[in-house]
Amino acid sequence: MPSEHIAVAERLGRRWIGIDITHLAITLMKHRLEDAFGPELSPY
């Protein structure tokens, strides 16, 4: 699921799963979500 889809799912309060093959992409996705949602980011 691309990071844009994850951000939309998070914004809608839906549960989501993000999968990628590289640690770099996962770290980038995590930082983007933290920047966009801050402390409101769901813990799952």
Protein backbone atom coordinates (compact mmCIF):
# COMPACT_ATOMS: atom_id res chain seq x y z
CA MET A 1 0.00 0.00 0.00
CA PRO A 2 1.63 3.30 -1.03
CA SER A 3 2.21 5.88 1.70
CA GLU A 4 -0.53 8.12 0.25
CA HIS A 5 -3.07 5.34 0.79
CA ILE A 6 -1.84 4.78 4.32
CA ALA A 7 -2.20 8.49 5.10
CA VAL A 8 -5.78 8.51 3.77
CA ALA A 9 -6.65 5.37 5.75
CA GLU A 10 -5.18 6.96 8.90
CA ARG A 11 -7.09 10.19 8.29
CA LEU A 12 -10.33 8.18 7.96
CA GLY A 13 -9.62 6.30 11.18
CA ARG A 14 -9.28 2.96 9.42
CA ARG A 15 -6.86 0.20 10.27
CA TRP A 16 -4.09 -0.23 7.73
CA ILE A 17 -1.06 -2.34 6.91
CA GLY A 18 1.91 -0.88 5.06
CA ILE A 19 4.42 -3.30 3.55
CA ASP A 20 7.67 -2.62 1.72
CA ILE A 21 10.80 -4.62 1.00
CA THR A 22 13.40 -2.08 2.17
CA HIS A 23 14.05 -0.65 5.62
CA LEU A 24 14.69 2.74 4.01
CA ALA A 25 11.19 2.90 2.51
CA ILE A 26 9.59 1.79 5.78
CA THR A 27 11.52 4.41 7.75
CA LEU A 28 10.60 7.12 5.23
CA MET A 29 6.92 6.13 5.42
CA LYS A 30 7.04 6.17 9.24
CA HIS A 31 8.58 9.67 9.29
CA ARG A 32 6.06 11.00 6.79
CA LEU A 33 3.17 9.70 8.90
CA GLU A 34 4.70 11.13 12.08
CA ASP A 35 5.16 14.51 10.38
CA ALA A 36 1.60 14.51 9.03
CA PHE A 37 -0.24 13.25 12.14
CA GLY A 38 2.13 13.85 15.08
CA PRO A 39 0.76 12.50 18.37
CA GLU A 40 -2.59 11.74 16.70
CA LEU A 41 -0.99 8.84 14.77
CA SER A 42 -2.58 5.52 15.70
CA PRO A 43 -0.28 3.15 17.62
CA TYR A 44 -0.96 0.18 15.31
